[in-house]
N, C-alpha and C. Protein backbone atom coordinates (compact mmCIF):
# COMPACT_ATOMS: atom_id res chain seq x y z
N MET A 1 129.00 26.72 87.33
CA MET A 1 128.54 27.90 86.72
C MET A 1 127.75 28.61 87.99
N ALA A 2 127.95 29.91 88.03
CA ALA A 2 127.33 30.82 89.09
C ALA A 2 126.00 31.22 88.74
N TYR A 3 125.21 31.25 89.74
CA TYR A 3 123.74 31.70 89.40
C TYR A 3 123.68 33.31 89.00
N GLN A 4 122.81 33.40 88.00
CA GLN A 4 122.62 34.67 87.34
C GLN A 4 121.20 35.16 87.54
N PRO A 5 120.85 36.35 88.27
CA PRO A 5 119.59 36.59 88.28
C PRO A 5 119.05 37.04 87.13
N PRO A 6 117.65 36.96 86.75
CA PRO A 6 117.22 37.37 85.43
C PRO A 6 117.53 38.79 85.33
N ASN A 7 117.44 39.27 83.93
CA ASN A 7 117.87 40.68 83.83
C ASN A 7 117.01 41.67 84.27
N MET A 8 115.69 41.34 84.38
CA MET A 8 114.74 42.35 84.76
C MET A 8 114.41 42.23 86.41
N LEU A 9 115.25 41.49 87.09
CA LEU A 9 114.75 41.53 88.43
C LEU A 9 115.28 42.70 89.30
N VAL A 10 116.41 43.34 89.02
CA VAL A 10 116.76 44.50 89.90
C VAL A 10 115.88 45.75 89.22
N PRO A 11 115.62 45.85 88.08
CA PRO A 11 114.70 47.00 87.62
C PRO A 11 113.34 46.80 88.16
N SER A 12 112.72 45.56 88.14
CA SER A 12 111.61 45.34 88.79
C SER A 12 111.57 45.68 90.33
N LEU A 13 112.51 45.46 90.91
CA LEU A 13 112.70 45.71 92.47
C LEU A 13 112.59 47.10 92.68
N VAL A 14 113.34 47.98 91.84
CA VAL A 14 113.50 49.24 92.02
C VAL A 14 112.08 49.98 91.64
N MET A 15 111.66 49.47 90.51
CA MET A 15 110.26 49.99 90.14
C MET A 15 109.21 49.78 91.28
N GLY A 16 109.10 48.62 91.66
CA GLY A 16 108.15 48.33 92.81
C GLY A 16 108.43 49.12 94.14
N GLY A 17 109.73 49.45 94.42
CA GLY A 17 109.90 50.22 95.57
C GLY A 17 109.50 51.62 95.50
N ALA A 18 109.67 52.10 94.26
CA ALA A 18 109.36 53.46 93.77
C ALA A 18 107.76 53.54 93.97
N ILE A 19 106.87 52.52 93.35
CA ILE A 19 105.62 52.43 93.58
C ILE A 19 105.09 52.54 94.85
N LEU A 20 105.76 51.64 95.63
CA LEU A 20 105.33 51.65 97.18
C LEU A 20 105.47 52.92 97.88
N ALA A 21 106.65 53.50 97.52
CA ALA A 21 107.15 54.90 98.21
C ALA A 21 106.03 55.98 97.72
N SER A 22 105.67 56.00 96.61
CA SER A 22 104.67 56.93 95.98
C SER A 22 103.40 56.60 96.68
N GLY A 23 102.99 55.45 96.79
CA GLY A 23 101.77 55.13 97.41
C GLY A 23 101.80 55.72 98.90
N LEU A 24 102.90 55.36 99.52
CA LEU A 24 102.78 55.93 100.82
C LEU A 24 102.79 57.27 100.96
N VAL A 25 103.52 58.12 99.99
CA VAL A 25 103.32 59.66 100.20
C VAL A 25 101.92 60.09 99.60
N ILE A 26 101.30 59.31 98.80
CA ILE A 26 99.90 59.76 98.46
C ILE A 26 98.81 59.57 99.60
N LYS A 27 99.12 58.26 100.32
CA LYS A 27 98.21 58.07 101.48
C LYS A 27 98.61 59.13 102.58
N SER A 28 99.81 59.36 102.81
CA SER A 28 99.85 60.47 103.92
C SER A 28 99.23 61.94 103.36
N SER A 29 99.32 62.26 102.15
CA SER A 29 98.79 63.28 101.74
C SER A 29 97.27 63.26 101.84
N LEU A 30 96.71 62.30 101.42
CA LEU A 30 95.17 62.04 101.73
C LEU A 30 94.80 62.18 103.07
N ASP A 31 95.53 61.45 104.15
CA ASP A 31 95.32 61.79 105.52
C ASP A 31 95.18 63.10 106.01
N LYS A 32 96.07 63.96 105.53
CA LYS A 32 96.29 65.31 106.04
C LYS A 32 95.11 66.09 105.45
N SER A 33 94.68 65.76 104.09
CA SER A 33 93.65 66.33 103.39
C SER A 33 92.35 66.09 104.29
N ALA A 34 92.25 64.81 104.68
CA ALA A 34 90.95 64.45 105.33
C ALA A 34 90.85 65.12 106.66
N ALA A 35 91.98 65.42 107.28
CA ALA A 35 91.92 66.05 108.53
C ALA A 35 91.49 67.54 108.44
N GLN A 36 92.20 67.98 107.26
CA GLN A 36 91.72 69.43 106.96
C GLN A 36 90.10 69.60 106.54
N LEU A 37 89.76 68.62 105.87
CA LEU A 37 88.35 68.78 105.52
C LEU A 37 87.46 68.68 106.75
N GLU A 38 87.86 67.71 107.67
CA GLU A 38 87.13 67.56 108.83
C GLU A 38 87.03 68.91 109.60
N SER A 39 88.15 69.45 109.80
CA SER A 39 88.37 70.84 110.40
C SER A 39 87.53 71.79 109.85
N ILE A 40 87.44 71.81 108.50
CA ILE A 40 86.67 72.91 107.73
C ILE A 40 85.14 72.56 108.11
N GLY A 41 84.80 71.28 108.08
CA GLY A 41 83.47 70.83 108.37
C GLY A 41 82.93 71.37 109.71
N THR A 42 83.91 71.17 110.87
CA THR A 42 83.56 71.49 112.06
C THR A 42 83.40 73.19 112.01
N GLY A 43 84.24 73.61 111.57
CA GLY A 43 84.06 75.38 111.44
C GLY A 43 82.86 75.84 110.69
N LEU A 44 82.43 75.15 109.51
CA LEU A 44 81.23 75.36 109.03
C LEU A 44 79.92 74.99 109.69
N GLU A 45 80.02 73.98 110.66
CA GLU A 45 78.84 73.87 111.34
C GLU A 45 78.76 74.86 112.48
N LYS A 46 79.96 75.41 113.18
CA LYS A 46 79.96 76.35 114.07
C LYS A 46 79.36 77.87 113.46
N ALA A 47 79.75 77.90 112.28
CA ALA A 47 79.33 79.26 111.47
C ALA A 47 77.90 79.24 111.16
N SER A 48 77.52 78.00 110.76
CA SER A 48 75.99 77.80 110.47
C SER A 48 75.10 77.98 111.75
N THR A 49 75.61 77.54 112.96
CA THR A 49 74.80 77.65 114.03
C THR A 49 74.77 79.33 114.50
N ALA A 50 75.86 80.02 114.42
CA ALA A 50 75.96 81.26 114.64
C ALA A 50 75.15 81.91 113.81
N LEU A 51 74.91 81.71 112.62
CA LEU A 51 74.25 82.45 111.66
C LEU A 51 72.67 82.16 111.84
N THR A 52 72.43 81.06 112.28
CA THR A 52 70.93 80.67 112.72
C THR A 52 70.52 81.54 113.86
N ALA A 53 71.49 81.53 114.70
CA ALA A 53 71.25 82.33 116.09
C ALA A 53 70.97 83.75 115.89
N VAL A 54 71.90 84.18 114.86
CA VAL A 54 71.59 85.67 114.50
C VAL A 54 70.33 85.94 113.78
N ALA A 55 69.99 84.86 112.75
CA ALA A 55 68.77 85.01 112.13
C ALA A 55 67.27 84.95 112.95
N ASN A 56 67.56 84.20 114.06
CA ASN A 56 66.36 84.02 114.88
C ASN A 56 66.38 85.10 116.03
N ALA A 57 67.45 85.81 116.21
CA ALA A 57 67.40 86.79 117.33
C ALA A 57 66.29 87.80 116.96
N LYS A 58 65.70 88.30 118.13
CA LYS A 58 64.86 89.55 118.02
C LYS A 58 65.62 90.75 117.90
N PRO A 59 65.14 91.53 117.03
CA PRO A 59 66.03 92.91 116.94
C PRO A 59 65.85 93.68 118.39
N ALA A 60 66.79 94.29 118.68
CA ALA A 60 66.79 95.19 119.79
C ALA A 60 65.94 96.31 119.68
N ALA A 61 65.17 96.76 120.74
CA ALA A 61 64.30 97.80 120.65
C ALA A 61 65.36 99.10 120.52
N ALA A 62 64.79 99.99 119.60
CA ALA A 62 65.61 101.10 119.37
C ALA A 62 65.26 102.13 120.58
N PRO A 63 66.39 102.86 120.98
CA PRO A 63 65.98 103.81 122.14
C PRO A 63 64.94 105.08 121.66
N PRO A 64 64.10 105.34 122.67
CA PRO A 64 63.23 106.45 122.23
C PRO A 64 63.89 107.62 121.75
N GLN A 65 63.46 108.10 120.63
CA GLN A 65 63.95 109.50 120.11
C GLN A 65 63.51 110.64 121.03
N LYS A 66 64.55 111.70 121.08
CA LYS A 66 64.14 112.66 122.11
C LYS A 66 63.19 113.70 121.17
N ARG A 67 62.33 114.15 121.74
CA ARG A 67 61.37 115.17 120.93
C ARG A 67 62.12 116.42 120.85
N ARG A 68 62.06 116.97 119.47
CA ARG A 68 62.32 118.08 119.22
C ARG A 68 61.36 118.99 118.97
N GLY A 69 61.29 120.31 119.57
CA GLY A 69 60.33 121.14 119.45
C GLY A 69 59.10 121.14 120.31
N PRO A 70 57.99 121.98 120.02
CA PRO A 70 57.05 121.86 121.08
C PRO A 70 56.44 120.52 121.09
N ASP A 71 55.77 120.46 122.42
CA ASP A 71 54.91 119.23 122.57
C ASP A 71 53.63 119.39 121.91
N PRO A 72 53.18 118.57 120.92
CA PRO A 72 52.08 118.59 120.22
C PRO A 72 50.72 118.42 120.87
N ASN A 73 51.16 117.71 122.12
CA ASN A 73 49.76 117.22 123.12
C ASN A 73 49.38 118.16 124.25
N LYS A 74 50.41 119.20 124.23
CA LYS A 74 50.33 120.35 125.18
C LYS A 74 49.38 121.21 124.61
N ARG A 75 48.54 121.96 125.58
CA ARG A 75 47.79 123.04 125.19
C ARG A 75 48.39 124.59 125.52
N TYR A 76 48.76 125.25 124.62
CA TYR A 76 49.58 126.35 124.90
C TYR A 76 48.39 127.58 124.88
N LYS A 77 48.55 128.59 125.72
CA LYS A 77 47.78 129.85 126.02
C LYS A 77 48.56 130.85 125.13
N VAL A 78 47.76 131.55 124.21
CA VAL A 78 48.60 132.67 123.36
C VAL A 78 47.67 133.81 123.66
N LYS A 79 48.25 134.83 123.98
CA LYS A 79 47.62 136.19 124.13
C LYS A 79 47.22 136.74 122.82
N THR A 80 45.93 136.80 122.54
CA THR A 80 45.32 137.28 121.13
C THR A 80 44.52 138.70 121.31
N ALA A 81 44.46 139.20 122.42
CA ALA A 81 43.84 140.49 122.65
C ALA A 81 44.49 141.50 122.10
N SER A 82 44.04 142.52 121.49
CA SER A 82 44.32 143.57 120.69
C SER A 82 45.32 143.17 119.60
N ARG A 83 45.31 142.03 118.87
CA ARG A 83 45.93 141.41 117.85
C ARG A 83 44.97 141.55 116.74
N PRO A 84 45.40 141.74 115.52
CA PRO A 84 44.71 141.67 114.28
C PRO A 84 43.92 140.37 114.12
N ALA A 85 42.40 140.49 113.84
CA ALA A 85 41.93 139.14 113.71
C ALA A 85 40.56 139.29 112.77
N LYS A 86 40.17 138.23 112.35
CA LYS A 86 39.07 138.15 111.21
C LYS A 86 37.87 137.13 112.02
N GLY A 87 36.63 137.63 111.86
CA GLY A 87 35.63 136.70 112.53
C GLY A 87 35.01 137.47 113.61
N GLY A 88 34.23 136.75 114.34
CA GLY A 88 33.28 137.06 115.47
C GLY A 88 34.29 137.36 116.71
N LYS A 89 33.48 137.83 117.91
CA LYS A 89 34.28 138.23 119.09
C LYS A 89 34.64 137.07 119.94
N ASN A 90 33.84 135.96 119.87
CA ASN A 90 33.89 134.83 120.57
C ASN A 90 33.93 133.51 119.76
N PRO A 91 34.72 133.33 119.10
CA PRO A 91 34.90 132.03 118.22
C PRO A 91 34.89 130.65 118.86
N LYS A 92 34.43 129.60 118.48
CA LYS A 92 34.47 128.30 118.93
C LYS A 92 35.95 127.75 118.85
N VAL A 93 36.50 128.19 117.71
CA VAL A 93 37.96 127.66 117.34
C VAL A 93 38.69 128.90 116.96
N GLU A 94 39.89 129.10 117.29
CA GLU A 94 40.86 130.26 117.12
C GLU A 94 42.10 129.60 116.60
N ILE A 95 42.42 130.00 115.31
CA ILE A 95 43.76 129.56 114.72
C ILE A 95 44.73 130.72 114.83
N VAL A 96 45.81 130.63 115.49
CA VAL A 96 46.94 131.46 115.64
C VAL A 96 48.10 131.09 114.67
N GLU A 97 48.61 132.07 114.08
CA GLU A 97 49.69 131.90 113.27
C GLU A 97 50.85 132.60 113.96
N PHE A 98 51.94 131.82 114.00
CA PHE A 98 53.16 132.57 114.79
C PHE A 98 54.21 132.42 113.75
N SER A 99 55.04 133.45 113.76
CA SER A 99 56.41 133.37 112.72
C SER A 99 57.38 133.88 113.54
N ASP A 100 58.44 133.43 113.22
CA ASP A 100 59.81 133.87 113.99
C ASP A 100 60.70 134.19 112.92
N PHE A 101 61.00 135.50 112.71
CA PHE A 101 61.88 136.01 111.56
C PHE A 101 63.40 136.28 112.06
N GLN A 102 63.75 135.02 112.70
CA GLN A 102 65.36 135.10 112.93
C GLN A 102 66.11 134.41 112.09
């Protein structure tokens, strides 16, 4: 009489091989995911460092604005002789109104 393997041996070997192969596929996928997560973590650290540097940076001084119009600190002489006026002949303060109708 010849040896006969048990009926479940071949299906068990096939099933075991499939489980082993799927485990290898899952391990490979997890290794790739771990490498991607490590890369993302490194990128986040760099971004955090850059954001901290920007947050701690002193704002640049704004360039001085060019003054438009007359200098308020300059004293201008205006001829007021023979012009309509109210008050005394030699006032301590004289207010001159100027209008330009252009």
